[in-house]
Protein backbone atom coordinates (compact mmCIF):
# COMPACT_ATOMS: atom_id res chain seq x y z
CA MET A 1 -22.49 -59.80 -98.53
CA VAL A 2 -25.66 -58.37 -97.02
CA ILE A 3 -27.24 -60.00 -94.00
CA GLN A 4 -31.03 -59.95 -93.93
CA TYR A 5 -33.38 -61.66 -91.57
CA ARG A 6 -37.06 -61.84 -90.77
CA ARG A 7 -38.97 -62.52 -87.63
CA LYS A 8 -40.16 -66.07 -87.28
CA GLU A 9 -43.23 -66.48 -89.44
CA ALA A 10 -45.36 -67.72 -86.56
CA ARG A 11 -44.57 -64.59 -84.54
CA ALA A 12 -44.48 -62.03 -87.34
CA GLY A 13 -48.14 -62.08 -88.26
CA ARG A 14 -48.64 -59.80 -91.24
CA ARG A 15 -45.32 -58.08 -90.69
CA ASP A 16 -42.98 -59.60 -93.22
CA LEU A 17 -40.20 -57.02 -93.20
CA ARG A 18 -36.63 -57.88 -94.04
CA TYR A 19 -34.06 -56.30 -91.77
CA THR A 20 -30.70 -55.39 -93.25
CA PRO A 21 -28.34 -54.08 -90.59
CA GLU A 22 -25.92 -52.48 -93.07
CA ARG A 23 -28.72 -50.50 -94.69
CA ASP A 24 -30.41 -49.79 -91.40
CA ILE A 25 -27.30 -48.24 -89.82
CA ALA A 26 -27.17 -45.73 -92.69
CA ASN A 27 -30.77 -44.82 -91.92
CA LEU A 28 -30.44 -44.94 -88.14
CA GLY A 29 -27.01 -43.34 -87.79
CA PRO A 30 -28.15 -39.72 -88.08
CA PRO A 31 -30.96 -40.09 -85.49
CA ILE A 32 -28.51 -41.84 -83.13
CA LEU A 33 -26.09 -38.91 -83.53
CA HIS A 34 -28.98 -36.56 -82.77
CA GLN A 35 -29.95 -38.60 -79.69
CA ALA A 36 -26.36 -38.51 -78.44
CA CYS A 37 -26.18 -34.73 -78.80
CA GLU A 38 -29.47 -34.41 -76.91
CA ALA A 39 -28.10 -36.74 -74.22
CA LEU A 40 -25.30 -34.19 -73.72
CA GLU A 41 -27.83 -31.66 -72.41
CA GLU A 42 -27.15 -31.27 -68.71
CA GLN A 43 -30.64 -32.38 -67.66
CA TRP A 44 -29.86 -35.91 -68.96
CA TRP A 45 -26.47 -36.37 -67.30
CA GLU A 46 -26.27 -39.46 -65.10
CA PRO A 47 -24.37 -39.16 -61.80
CA TRP A 48 -21.27 -40.86 -63.25
CA PHE A 49 -21.34 -38.49 -66.25
CA GLN A 50 -21.79 -35.45 -63.98
CA GLN A 51 -18.71 -36.56 -62.04
CA TYR A 52 -16.75 -37.19 -65.25
CA CYS A 53 -17.59 -33.70 -66.53
CA LYS A 54 -16.73 -32.13 -63.17
CA ASP A 55 -13.40 -33.99 -62.98
CA ASN A 56 -12.51 -32.89 -66.52
CA ASP A 57 -13.84 -29.33 -66.34
CA ILE A 58 -16.41 -30.02 -69.06
CA THR A 59 -19.44 -27.75 -69.14
CA ALA A 60 -22.65 -27.80 -71.13
CA THR A 61 -21.27 -24.76 -72.97
CA LYS A 62 -18.30 -26.81 -74.17
CA PHE A 63 -20.69 -29.43 -75.55
CA ALA A 64 -22.73 -26.68 -77.22
CA GLU A 65 -19.53 -25.50 -78.91
CA GLY A 66 -18.47 -29.04 -79.89
CA SER A 67 -21.76 -30.26 -81.37
CA PRO A 68 -21.61 -28.06 -84.50
CA ILE A 69 -18.06 -29.30 -85.07
CA LEU A 70 -19.28 -32.89 -84.92
CA ALA A 71 -22.13 -31.96 -87.28
CA ARG A 72 -19.61 -30.50 -89.77
CA ALA A 73 -17.66 -33.77 -89.62
CA CYS A 74 -20.85 -35.73 -90.32
CA ASN A 75 -21.54 -33.49 -93.30
CA LYS A 76 -18.24 -34.70 -94.77
CA ILE A 77 -19.21 -38.39 -94.74
CA ILE A 78 -19.61 -38.67 -98.50
CA GLN A 79 -16.52 -36.62 -99.40
CA ALA A 80 -14.11 -37.81 -96.68
CA GLU A 81 -11.92 -40.85 -97.13
CA ASN A 82 -12.77 -42.09 -93.63
CA PRO A 83 -14.32 -40.83 -90.38
CA VAL A 84 -10.97 -39.95 -88.81
CA LYS A 85 -10.12 -37.60 -91.67
CA ALA A 86 -13.60 -36.06 -91.49
CA LEU A 87 -13.28 -35.47 -87.73
CA GLU A 88 -9.82 -33.97 -88.21
CA ALA A 89 -10.92 -31.72 -91.09
CA ALA A 90 -13.90 -30.42 -89.09
CA GLY A 91 -11.76 -29.72 -86.02
CA PHE A 92 -13.36 -32.34 -83.77
CA ALA A 93 -9.99 -34.00 -83.21
CA ASP A 94 -8.73 -30.67 -81.82
CA LEU A 95 -11.23 -30.75 -78.96
CA HIS A 96 -9.85 -31.84 -75.60
CA PRO A 97 -9.71 -35.68 -75.50
CA ALA A 98 -12.01 -35.74 -72.44
CA ILE A 99 -14.69 -33.93 -74.46
CA GLN A 100 -14.24 -36.31 -77.40
CA LEU A 101 -14.60 -39.28 -75.02
CA ALA A 102 -17.80 -37.80 -73.59
CA TYR A 103 -19.27 -37.62 -77.10
CA TYR A 104 -18.19 -41.20 -77.80
CA ALA A 105 -19.68 -42.38 -74.49
CA LYS A 106 -23.06 -40.88 -75.32
CA LEU A 107 -22.90 -42.22 -78.88
CA GLY A 108 -22.18 -45.66 -77.44
CA GLN A 109 -25.06 -45.45 -74.98
CA CYS A 110 -27.49 -44.37 -77.72
CA PHE A 111 -26.20 -47.04 -80.10
CA LEU A 112 -26.60 -49.77 -77.47
CA ALA A 113 -30.12 -48.55 -76.62
CA ASN A 114 -31.07 -48.66 -80.30
CA VAL A 115 -29.56 -52.13 -80.81
CA TRP A 116 -31.49 -53.31 -77.77
CA ALA A 117 -34.77 -51.81 -79.04
CA GLY A 118 -34.19 -53.14 -82.57
CA VAL A 119 -33.50 -56.70 -81.48
CA LYS A 120 -36.48 -56.63 -79.11
CA ASP A 121 -38.62 -55.42 -82.04
CA VAL A 122 -37.71 -58.35 -84.27
CA SER A 123 -37.56 -61.04 -81.59
CA ALA A 124 -39.72 -62.76 -79.04
CA PRO A 125 -38.37 -64.24 -75.78
CA ASP A 126 -38.54 -67.80 -77.15
CA ASP A 127 -36.96 -66.93 -80.54
CA GLU A 128 -33.36 -67.61 -81.43
CA PRO A 129 -31.52 -64.28 -81.68
CA PRO A 130 -30.94 -62.94 -85.22
CA ILE A 131 -27.66 -64.14 -86.75
CA SER A 132 -25.99 -60.74 -86.31
CA ILE A 133 -26.75 -60.86 -82.59
CA GLN A 134 -25.58 -64.48 -82.37
CA MET A 135 -22.27 -63.32 -83.90
CA LEU A 136 -22.09 -60.50 -81.34
CA LEU A 137 -22.70 -62.94 -78.48
CA GLU A 138 -19.99 -65.28 -79.76
CA MET A 139 -17.62 -62.35 -80.16
CA SER A 140 -18.33 -61.09 -76.64
CA ASP A 141 -17.60 -64.58 -75.25
CA THR A 142 -14.26 -64.56 -77.09
CA ILE A 143 -13.42 -61.08 -75.82
CA MET A 144 -14.33 -61.98 -72.24
CA GLU A 145 -12.23 -65.14 -72.44
CA HIS A 146 -9.30 -63.14 -73.84
CA PHE A 147 -9.45 -60.62 -70.99
CA ALA A 148 -9.83 -63.38 -68.41
CA ASN A 149 -6.71 -65.08 -69.81
CA MET A 150 -4.88 -61.77 -70.02
CA HIS A 151 -5.62 -61.11 -66.34
CA LYS A 152 -4.48 -64.67 -65.52
CA ASP A 153 -1.29 -64.12 -67.55
CA ASP A 154 -0.64 -60.84 -65.70
CA ASN A 155 -1.05 -62.56 -62.31
CA GLU A 156 1.27 -65.39 -63.36
CA ARG A 157 3.83 -62.83 -64.58
CA ARG A 158 3.61 -60.92 -61.28
CA ASN A 159 4.03 -64.14 -59.28
CA THR A 160 7.04 -65.11 -61.39
CA ASP A 161 8.54 -61.61 -60.95
CA ASN A 162 8.09 -61.84 -57.16
CA VAL A 163 9.89 -65.20 -57.04
CA LYS A 164 12.99 -63.90 -58.79
């Protein structure tokens, strides 16, 4: 199944583009990877990221050494069975876990920024969100409820343990 949607006709004007998230991620994935690697340049490090790198002895040089490894993994997308195998074959999985997490953090930030920009591009403040975003909102509500209940369950368990 492929999800496609259009802006509301009244708001779209002459722009009658269909958006297909599955297709779009294939087109947008490489630029997002590029953005994430650029975000690893020291001049773009936020205070929390500077502290994370300091705490984990991660330098800009280590990112400069890791980026070509990540690029080699990306070059294996078509041949590899899955991303984990591609990352392992390229040697990315051999990098220190703190370095891997730093890459994933920047990828996540860039992905979120692009989702934000994309939804803003196809929506107006008074529009209903696209169905894919509605699904995300519903999923986030479920996740938040799960964690709230999990925390409640943990507190109840602790209280029960203290009574014994």
